[in-house]
Every structure is written in C-alpha cells, then in structure tokens.
Amino acid sequence: MSCARNGKLVKVVFAGESGVGKTSVIERLTNGVFTEQNPTVGAAFTVKRFSSENKSVMLGIWDTAGQERYQAMSCVYFRDTVVCVLVFDLTDERSFKRIKVWKHLCSEANLKYNVCDKTEKQRCGAELANNCGVESSGIPIYVLVGNKLDRKGREVDQSEIEKFCRENQIEHYVETSARDGTGVKTLYDKIGEEACDLVVLMRASGIELSNAVNTVRINDAESEHSRKCICDF
C-alpha cells in the first residue's frame, strides 16, 4: 500500500539547537554512516523511502540550521510539515530546554500558512480526532529525540523528558547515538509509520492536504541520483 502520489514526498523536518547532531542523525538514518559535520547553513534536503510490510512512503527530509540567526527563516522550512523531529543533546541541558522554542516555531509556521484552508483545517481536526483520538493540533506530528547517547556526562533526566512529553502531547521519544547507530532504526521506523498512517487516515477520511502531504516534486529531468527518489506509487 503506497502512502503518497507519484513524484511527491511526505515532508519531515529535523529541528533543534546547533550542535545537537541533527545532520549526523540524518546521515546515519539515510546512509548508515557517521561523519563529523559542520553546522548546517540555512537548510539541507535529502530523500529516503520508508517501507514496512504493506506500507511504502517517500520521505522528504529537511535538516534545518540551529543557529539563532537562522530562526527568522524557520517558517519557510517548517511550513507544511507532516512530521517534525525535535532533537536535543542528552549531555547539554540547554539544548533540551530550547526544544519548546523549536516546537513553537514549527507550530506557528503551520498555523500561519495552514496545511489547508481554515474550513478544511477545522474539518481535518474533527475527522482526525474522531478516527484516532488525536487533537486538532495533531499536524504536524512531533517526535522527540535525545541524541549523543554514547557520551558520558548526561545532563537531562528521564523524568524531565517524560514531563515535557506529557505537557506537550508528544507520544514518541527516542534516544539515539548517531556515532554508533543506537536507536536510529527505531527513530526511522517511528517517523515512517507515523507519516504513512497519517496520510492513509486522511485519505480514508476524505481529507486532501495536498500541500502538507505532497510538499516536494521531483523533476523527471533531474540526475540519475534524483530519479531514484521518484515515487512509483
């Protein structure tokens, strides 16, 4: 069962402070390797197909810059996000405390631009709540990630994380190490399953969120590398 139309991607955005390892997690997730990374400038983009049993979806993954000077641009990259992955450094308490800022920026961007028009958005919320119990704010879906699990000197307690998830209605939390790969497969599965299930649910409910679900088009005239990313649904 495919979850998106031909040539279009489900938008996934990684957000968090500079230096928490977003780019390294994405590199491990997409290519299975770890490399030391310089800070991202603006944003970077890659694609990855998620397949599990009878589900298949192409993910368009955005890696956003964490430096404060780029936050004014964040609405551009957060707009129409389906899954937002909020990443912090387990050895840096400040990066965890700043997660609420990144969540707010993503939420504001999607309220400002809307994933559909006002009437449709209200219906989306009602339909999704009726079908799976999520609230009208269930788009985008948020996944919280504590990275650098391999490092000593943990500064963020599990109780703090659990409290944050409860207060912000975040169901999924994963601890990862981009360096040794711990937890990255689990994270990938959660992203893919949530993205695919939400798209299927919206279609079953007769909801068309074309901008949110089908954010990026792949040009048939692009390079062979890009052609591998074209959905064949």
C-alpha atoms as a PDB file:
ATOM      1  CA  MET A   1       0.000   0.000   0.000  1.00  0.00           C
ATOM      2  CA  SER A   2       1.502   3.305  -1.038  1.00  0.00           C
ATOM      3  CA  CYS A   3       1.002   6.427   1.032  1.00  0.00           C
ATOM      4  CA  ALA A   4       1.639   9.226  -1.448  1.00  0.00           C
ATOM      5  CA  ARG A   5       1.129  10.026  -5.075  1.00  0.00           C
ATOM      6  CA  ASN A   6       3.638   9.643  -7.852  1.00  0.00           C
ATOM      7  CA  GLY A   7       6.586  12.056  -7.710  1.00  0.00           C
ATOM      8  CA  LYS A   8       5.687  13.652  -4.363  1.00  0.00           C
ATOM      9  CA  LEU A   9       7.099  13.389  -0.874  1.00  0.00           C
ATOM     10  CA  VAL A  10       5.924  13.481   2.720  1.00  0.00           C
ATOM     11  CA  LYS A  11       7.703  16.342   4.475  1.00  0.00           C
ATOM     12  CA  VAL A  12       9.788  15.556   7.569  1.00  0.00           C
ATOM     13  CA  VAL A  13      11.722  18.348   9.312  1.00  0.00           C
ATOM     14  CA  PHE A  14      14.525  17.942  11.872  1.00  0.00           C
ATOM     15  CA  ALA A  15      14.804  20.877  14.288  1.00  0.00           C
ATOM     16  CA  GLY A  16      16.873  21.757  17.336  1.00  0.00           C
ATOM     17  CA  GLU A  17      19.862  23.737  18.539  1.00  0.00           C
ATOM     18  CA  SER A  18      23.111  23.883  16.612  1.00  0.00           C
ATOM     19  CA  GLY A  19      25.497  21.076  17.540  1.00  0.00           C
ATOM     20  CA  VAL A  20      22.944  18.561  18.826  1.00  0.00           C
ATOM     21  CA  GLY A  21      23.680  16.202  15.929  1.00  0.00           C
ATOM     22  CA  LYS A  22      20.695  16.598  13.608  1.00  0.00           C
ATOM     23  CA  THR A  23      22.790  16.273  10.455  1.00  0.00           C
ATOM     24  CA  SER A  24      24.674  13.272  11.835  1.00  0.00           C
ATOM     25  CA  VAL A  25      21.421  11.515  12.779  1.00  0.00           C
ATOM     26  CA  ILE A  26      20.052  12.114   9.283  1.00  0.00           C
ATOM     27  CA  GLU A  27      23.297  10.873   7.727  1.00  0.00           C
ATOM     28  CA  ARG A  28      23.138   7.724   9.828  1.00  0.00           C
ATOM     29  CA  LEU A  29      19.444   7.281   9.065  1.00  0.00           C
ATOM     30  CA  THR A  30      19.731   7.746   5.296  1.00  0.00           C
ATOM     31  CA  ASN A  31      23.198   6.356   4.519  1.00  0.00           C
ATOM     32  CA  GLY A  32      24.077   4.201   7.517  1.00  0.00           C
ATOM     33  CA  VAL A  33      27.300   6.061   8.283  1.00  0.00           C
ATOM     34  CA  PHE A  34      28.621   8.597  10.786  1.00  0.00           C
ATOM     35  CA  THR A  35      30.726  11.574   9.813  1.00  0.00           C
ATOM     36  CA  GLU A  36      31.668  14.694  11.753  1.00  0.00           C
ATOM     37  CA  GLN A  37      29.556  17.566  10.451  1.00  0.00           C
ATOM     38  CA  ASN A  38      29.939  21.319  10.249  1.00  0.00           C
ATOM     39  CA  PRO A  39      26.931  23.440  11.308  1.00  0.00           C
ATOM     40  CA  THR A  40      24.169  23.466   8.709  1.00  0.00           C
ATOM     41  CA  VAL A  41      23.715  26.779   6.892  1.00  0.00           C
ATOM     42  CA  GLY A  42      20.062  27.506   6.160  1.00  0.00           C
ATOM     43  CA  ALA A  43      18.738  24.018   5.455  1.00  0.00           C
ATOM     44  CA  ALA A  44      19.681  20.816   3.670  1.00  0.00           C
ATOM     45  CA  PHE A  45      17.420  18.291   1.965  1.00  0.00           C
ATOM     46  CA  THR A  46      17.503  14.564   1.289  1.00  0.00           C
ATOM     47  CA  VAL A  47      15.067  11.773   0.462  1.00  0.00           C
ATOM     48  CA  LYS A  48      14.524   8.301   1.865  1.00  0.00           C
ATOM     49  CA  ARG A  49      11.928   5.646   1.087  1.00  0.00           C
ATOM     50  CA  PHE A  50      10.250   4.027   4.074  1.00  0.00           C
ATOM     51  CA  SER A  51       8.877   0.528   3.547  1.00  0.00           C
ATOM     52  CA  SER A  52       7.369  -1.752   6.151  1.00  0.00           C
ATOM     53  CA  GLU A  53       5.203  -4.787   5.439  1.00  0.00           C
ATOM     54  CA  ASN A  54       2.496  -3.409   3.123  1.00  0.00           C
ATOM     55  CA  LYS A  55       3.351   0.258   3.646  1.00  0.00           C
ATOM     56  CA  SER A  56       5.548   2.462   1.497  1.00  0.00           C
ATOM     57  CA  VAL A  57       6.167   6.182   1.554  1.00  0.00           C
ATOM     58  CA  MET A  58       8.853   8.527   0.268  1.00  0.00           C
ATOM     59  CA  LEU A  59      10.108  10.920   2.933  1.00  0.00           C
ATOM     60  CA  GLY A  60      11.459  14.353   2.068  1.00  0.00           C
ATOM     61  CA  ILE A  61      13.776  15.081   4.997  1.00  0.00           C
ATOM     62  CA  TRP A  62      14.769  18.661   5.818  1.00  0.00           C
ATOM     63  CA  ASP A  63      17.761  19.381   8.043  1.00  0.00           C
ATOM     64  CA  THR A  64      17.415  22.895   9.463  1.00  0.00           C
ATOM     65  CA  ALA A  65      20.101  25.165  10.896  1.00  0.00           C
ATOM     66  CA  GLY A  66      20.121  25.531  14.667  1.00  0.00           C
ATOM     67  CA  GLN A  67      21.949  28.844  14.924  1.00  0.00           C
ATOM     68  CA  GLU A  68      19.860  31.691  16.309  1.00  0.00           C
ATOM     69  CA  ARG A  69      20.498  33.921  13.286  1.00  0.00           C
ATOM     70  CA  TYR A  70      18.612  31.463  11.069  1.00  0.00           C
ATOM     71  CA  GLN A  71      15.488  31.221  13.226  1.00  0.00           C
ATOM     72  CA  ALA A  72      13.791  34.044  11.311  1.00  0.00           C
ATOM     73  CA  MET A  73      13.930  31.804   8.241  1.00  0.00           C
ATOM     74  CA  SER A  74      12.476  28.812  10.044  1.00  0.00           C
ATOM     75  CA  CYS A  75       8.881  29.409   8.950  1.00  0.00           C
ATOM     76  CA  VAL A  76       9.974  28.813   5.354  1.00  0.00           C
ATOM     77  CA  TYR A  77      11.346  25.370   6.172  1.00  0.00           C
ATOM     78  CA  PHE A  78       8.702  24.379   8.729  1.00  0.00           C
ATOM     79  CA  ARG A  79       5.712  25.217   6.546  1.00  0.00           C
ATOM     80  CA  ASP A  80       3.554  22.199   5.627  1.00  0.00           C
ATOM     81  CA  THR A  81       5.495  19.796   7.838  1.00  0.00           C
ATOM     82  CA  VAL A  82       3.905  16.396   8.408  1.00  0.00           C
ATOM     83  CA  VAL A  83       6.436  15.046  10.944  1.00  0.00           C
ATOM     84  CA  CYS A  84       8.706  17.322  12.990  1.00  0.00           C
ATOM     85  CA  VAL A  85      11.662  15.627  14.693  1.00  0.00           C
ATOM     86  CA  LEU A  86      12.843  17.690  17.684  1.00  0.00           C
ATOM     87  CA  VAL A  87      16.449  16.845  18.545  1.00  0.00           C
ATOM     88  CA  PHE A  88      18.411  17.727  21.686  1.00  0.00           C
ATOM     89  CA  ASP A  89      21.780  16.699  23.145  1.00  0.00           C
ATOM     90  CA  LEU A  90      21.480  14.460  26.203  1.00  0.00           C
ATOM     91  CA  THR A  91      24.698  15.997  27.554  1.00  0.00           C
ATOM     92  CA  ASP A  92      23.511  19.594  27.117  1.00  0.00           C
ATOM     93  CA  GLU A  93      20.568  20.631  29.289  1.00  0.00           C
ATOM     94  CA  ARG A  94      20.223  23.972  27.493  1.00  0.00           C
ATOM     95  CA  SER A  95      19.544  22.212  24.182  1.00  0.00           C
ATOM     96  CA  PHE A  96      16.705  20.331  25.865  1.00  0.00           C
ATOM     97  CA  LYS A  97      15.211  23.473  27.376  1.00  0.00           C
ATOM     98  CA  ARG A  98      15.284  25.099  23.935  1.00  0.00           C
ATOM     99  CA  ILE A  99      13.190  22.322  22.393  1.00  0.00           C
ATOM    100  CA  LYS A 100       9.999  24.146  23.369  1.00  0.00           C
ATOM    101  CA  VAL A 101      11.177  27.106  21.263  1.00  0.00           C
ATOM    102  CA  TRP A 102      11.653  24.929  18.182  1.00  0.00           C
ATOM    103  CA  LYS A 103       8.297  23.246  18.692  1.00  0.00           C
ATOM    104  CA  HIS A 104       6.656  26.668  18.963  1.00  0.00           C
ATOM    105  CA  LEU A 105       8.345  27.861  15.758  1.00  0.00           C
ATOM    106  CA  CYS A 106       7.121  24.823  13.846  1.00  0.00           C
ATOM    107  CA  SER A 107       3.605  25.092  15.248  1.00  0.00           C
ATOM    108  CA  GLU A 108       3.438  28.803  14.468  1.00  0.00           C
ATOM    109  CA  ALA A 109       4.644  28.267  10.907  1.00  0.00           C
ATOM    110  CA  ASN A 110       1.919  25.737  10.264  1.00  0.00           C
ATOM    111  CA  LEU A 111      -0.758  27.888  11.893  1.00  0.00           C
ATOM    112  CA  LYS A 112       0.337  30.911   9.852  1.00  0.00           C
ATOM    113  CA  TYR A 113       0.386  29.197   6.486  1.00  0.00           C
ATOM    114  CA  ASN A 114      -2.054  26.378   7.300  1.00  0.00           C
ATOM    115  CA  VAL A 115      -1.766  22.938   5.782  1.00  0.00           C
ATOM    116  CA  CYS A 116      -5.156  23.604   4.247  1.00  0.00           C
ATOM    117  CA  ASP A 117      -7.667  26.452   4.286  1.00  0.00           C
ATOM    118  CA  LYS A 118      -9.384  27.408   7.551  1.00  0.00           C
ATOM    119  CA  THR A 119     -12.601  25.465   6.947  1.00  0.00           C
ATOM    120  CA  GLU A 120     -10.734  22.385   5.812  1.00  0.00           C
ATOM    121  CA  LYS A 121      -8.320  22.590   8.744  1.00  0.00           C
ATOM    122  CA  GLN A 122     -11.221  22.642  11.191  1.00  0.00           C
ATOM    123  CA  ARG A 123     -12.691  19.604   9.482  1.00  0.00           C
ATOM    124  CA  CYS A 124      -9.300  17.893   9.499  1.00  0.00           C
ATOM    125  CA  GLY A 125      -9.069  18.283  13.244  1.00  0.00           C
ATOM    126  CA  ALA A 126     -12.551  16.905  13.818  1.00  0.00           C
ATOM    127  CA  GLU A 127     -12.059  13.981  11.438  1.00  0.00           C
ATOM    128  CA  LEU A 128      -8.688  13.013  12.895  1.00  0.00           C
ATOM    129  CA  ALA A 129      -9.967  13.286  16.461  1.00  0.00           C
ATOM    130  CA  ASN A 130     -12.961  11.095  15.644  1.00  0.00           C
ATOM    131  CA  ASN A 131     -10.847   8.473  13.905  1.00  0.00           C
ATOM    132  CA  CYS A 132      -7.784   8.124  16.098  1.00  0.00           C
ATOM    133  CA  GLY A 133      -8.168  10.304  19.162  1.00  0.00           C
ATOM    134  CA  VAL A 134      -5.617  12.945  18.244  1.00  0.00           C
ATOM    135  CA  GLU A 135      -6.414  16.580  18.779  1.00  0.00           C
ATOM    136  CA  SER A 136      -6.791  19.187  16.062  1.00  0.00           C
ATOM    137  CA  SER A 137      -3.172  20.166  16.697  1.00  0.00           C
ATOM    138  CA  GLY A 138      -2.081  16.671  15.595  1.00  0.00           C
ATOM    139  CA  ILE A 139      -0.499  18.006  12.421  1.00  0.00           C
ATOM    140  CA  PRO A 140       2.439  18.052  12.390  1.00  0.00           C
ATOM    141  CA  ILE A 141       3.260  15.003  14.451  1.00  0.00           C
ATOM    142  CA  TYR A 142       6.181  15.597  16.817  1.00  0.00           C
ATOM    143  CA  VAL A 143       8.890  13.061  17.615  1.00  0.00           C
ATOM    144  CA  LEU A 144      11.370  13.939  20.375  1.00  0.00           C
ATOM    145  CA  VAL A 145      14.963  12.683  20.082  1.00  0.00           C
ATOM    146  CA  GLY A 146      17.698  12.703  22.730  1.00  0.00           C
ATOM    147  CA  ASN A 147      20.946  12.312  20.796  1.00  0.00           C
ATOM    148  CA  LYS A 148      24.580  11.583  21.809  1.00  0.00           C
ATOM    149  CA  LEU A 149      23.598   8.634  23.983  1.00  0.00           C
ATOM    150  CA  ASP A 150      27.150   7.318  23.602  1.00  0.00           C
ATOM    151  CA  ARG A 151      28.639  10.253  25.504  1.00  0.00           C
ATOM    152  CA  LYS A 152      29.259  10.463  29.231  1.00  0.00           C
ATOM    153  CA  GLY A 153      28.002  13.351  31.351  1.00  0.00           C
ATOM    154  CA  ARG A 154      24.254  13.127  30.773  1.00  0.00           C
ATOM    155  CA  GLU A 155      22.518  16.324  31.932  1.00  0.00           C
ATOM    156  CA  VAL A 156      18.854  15.591  31.126  1.00  0.00           C
ATOM    157  CA  ASP A 157      16.898  13.307  33.449  1.00  0.00           C
ATOM    158  CA  GLN A 158      14.363  10.854  32.135  1.00  0.00           C
ATOM    159  CA  SER A 159      11.732  12.375  34.423  1.00  0.00           C
ATOM    160  CA  GLU A 160      12.211  15.797  32.778  1.00  0.00           C
ATOM    161  CA  ILE A 161      11.783  14.269  29.344  1.00  0.00           C
ATOM    162  CA  GLU A 162       8.650  12.401  30.345  1.00  0.00           C
ATOM    163  CA  LYS A 163       7.173  15.554  31.849  1.00  0.00           C
ATOM    164  CA  PHE A 164       7.911  17.546  28.695  1.00  0.00           C
ATOM    165  CA  CYS A 165       6.282  14.877  26.523  1.00  0.00           C
ATOM    166  CA  ARG A 166       3.169  14.824  28.708  1.00  0.00           C
ATOM    167  CA  GLU A 167       2.827  18.599  28.758  1.00  0.00           C
ATOM    168  CA  ASN A 168       3.324  18.883  25.004  1.00  0.00           C
ATOM    169  CA  GLN A 169       1.351  15.794  23.975  1.00  0.00           C
ATOM    170  CA  ILE A 170       4.344  14.137  22.329  1.00  0.00           C
ATOM    171  CA  GLU A 171       3.850  10.386  22.144  1.00  0.00           C
ATOM    172  CA  HIS A 172       7.189   9.356  20.686  1.00  0.00           C
ATOM    173  CA  TYR A 173      10.584   9.742  22.328  1.00  0.00           C
ATOM    174  CA  VAL A 174      13.745   8.016  21.132  1.00  0.00           C
ATOM    175  CA  GLU A 175      17.306   8.127  22.440  1.00  0.00           C
ATOM    176  CA  THR A 176      19.948   7.825  19.746  1.00  0.00           C
ATOM    177  CA  SER A 177      23.647   7.828  19.065  1.00  0.00           C
ATOM    178  CA  ALA A 178      24.442   8.969  15.559  1.00  0.00           C
ATOM    179  CA  ARG A 179      28.028   7.840  16.199  1.00  0.00           C
ATOM    180  CA  ASP A 180      27.309   4.151  16.839  1.00  0.00           C
ATOM    181  CA  GLY A 181      23.804   3.951  15.362  1.00  0.00           C
ATOM    182  CA  THR A 182      21.926   3.142  18.564  1.00  0.00           C
ATOM    183  CA  GLY A 183      18.213   3.957  18.287  1.00  0.00           C
ATOM    184  CA  VAL A 184      18.376   5.343  14.739  1.00  0.00           C
ATOM    185  CA  LYS A 185      16.480   2.425  13.176  1.00  0.00           C
ATOM    186  CA  THR A 186      13.798   2.813  15.858  1.00  0.00           C
ATOM    187  CA  LEU A 187      13.563   6.521  15.065  1.00  0.00           C
ATOM    188  CA  TYR A 188      13.313   5.852  11.335  1.00  0.00           C
ATOM    189  CA  ASP A 189      10.523   3.326  11.875  1.00  0.00           C
ATOM    190  CA  LYS A 190       8.551   5.738  14.067  1.00  0.00           C
ATOM    191  CA  ILE A 191       8.850   8.535  11.510  1.00  0.00           C
ATOM    192  CA  GLY A 192       7.842   6.311   8.618  1.00  0.00           C
ATOM    193  CA  GLU A 193       4.965   4.599  10.402  1.00  0.00           C
ATOM    194  CA  GLU A 194       3.512   7.876  11.662  1.00  0.00           C
ATOM    195  CA  ALA A 195       3.838   9.563   8.279  1.00  0.00           C
ATOM    196  CA  CYS A 196       2.274   6.690   6.401  1.00  0.00           C
ATOM    197  CA  ASP A 197      -0.543   6.080   8.877  1.00  0.00           C
ATOM    198  CA  LEU A 198      -1.492   9.758   8.955  1.00  0.00           C
ATOM    199  CA  VAL A 199      -1.625  10.007   5.179  1.00  0.00           C
ATOM    200  CA  VAL A 200      -3.753   6.857   4.933  1.00  0.00           C
ATOM    201  CA  LEU A 201      -6.068   8.139   7.674  1.00  0.00           C
ATOM    202  CA  MET A 202      -6.540  11.469   5.950  1.00  0.00           C
ATOM    203  CA  ARG A 203      -7.373   9.784   2.666  1.00  0.00           C
ATOM    204  CA  ALA A 204      -9.818   7.419   4.346  1.00  0.00           C
ATOM    205  CA  SER A 205     -11.486  10.455   5.915  1.00  0.00           C
ATOM    206  CA  GLY A 206     -11.718  12.211   2.552  1.00  0.00           C
ATOM    207  CA  ILE A 207      -9.235  14.878   3.641  1.00  0.00           C
ATOM    208  CA  GLU A 208      -6.990  16.376   0.988  1.00  0.00           C
ATOM    209  CA  LEU A 209      -3.928  18.070   2.432  1.00  0.00           C
ATOM    210  CA  SER A 210      -2.072  18.441  -0.809  1.00  0.00           C
ATOM    211  CA  ASN A 211       0.455  20.984   0.445  1.00  0.00           C
ATOM    212  CA  ALA A 212       1.270  19.132   3.645  1.00  0.00           C
ATOM    213  CA  VAL A 213       1.486  15.638   2.227  1.00  0.00           C
ATOM    214  CA  ASN A 214       2.880  16.392  -1.192  1.00  0.00           C
ATOM    215  CA  THR A 215       5.404  19.075  -0.442  1.00  0.00           C
ATOM    216  CA  VAL A 216       8.180  18.364  -2.903  1.00  0.00           C
ATOM    217  CA  ARG A 217       8.087  17.368  -6.543  1.00  0.00           C
ATOM    218  CA  ILE A 218      10.951  15.515  -8.185  1.00  0.00           C
ATOM    219  CA  ASN A 219      11.726  16.695 -11.717  1.00  0.00           C
ATOM    220  CA  ASP A 220      11.923  13.830 -14.200  1.00  0.00           C
ATOM    221  CA  ALA A 221      14.755  15.643 -15.949  1.00  0.00           C
ATOM    222  CA  GLU A 222      16.993  15.620 -12.888  1.00  0.00           C
ATOM    223  CA  SER A 223      20.073  13.459 -12.423  1.00  0.00           C
ATOM    224  CA  GLU A 224      20.036   9.689 -12.131  1.00  0.00           C
ATOM    225  CA  HIS A 225      20.550  10.025  -8.388  1.00  0.00           C
ATOM    226  CA  SER A 226      17.409  12.118  -8.101  1.00  0.00           C
ATOM    227  CA  ARG A 227      15.465   9.781 -10.336  1.00  0.00           C
ATOM    228  CA  LYS A 228      15.971   7.019  -7.798  1.00  0.00           C
ATOM    229  CA  CYS A 229      13.866   9.135  -5.432  1.00  0.00           C
ATOM    230  CA  ILE A 230      10.826   9.394  -7.686  1.00  0.00           C
ATOM    231  CA  CYS A 231       7.874   7.623  -6.106  1.00  0.00           C
ATOM    232  CA  ASP A 232       6.464   4.850  -8.238  1.00  0.00           C
ATOM    233  CA  PHE A 233       3.121   4.630  -6.441  1.00  0.00           C
END
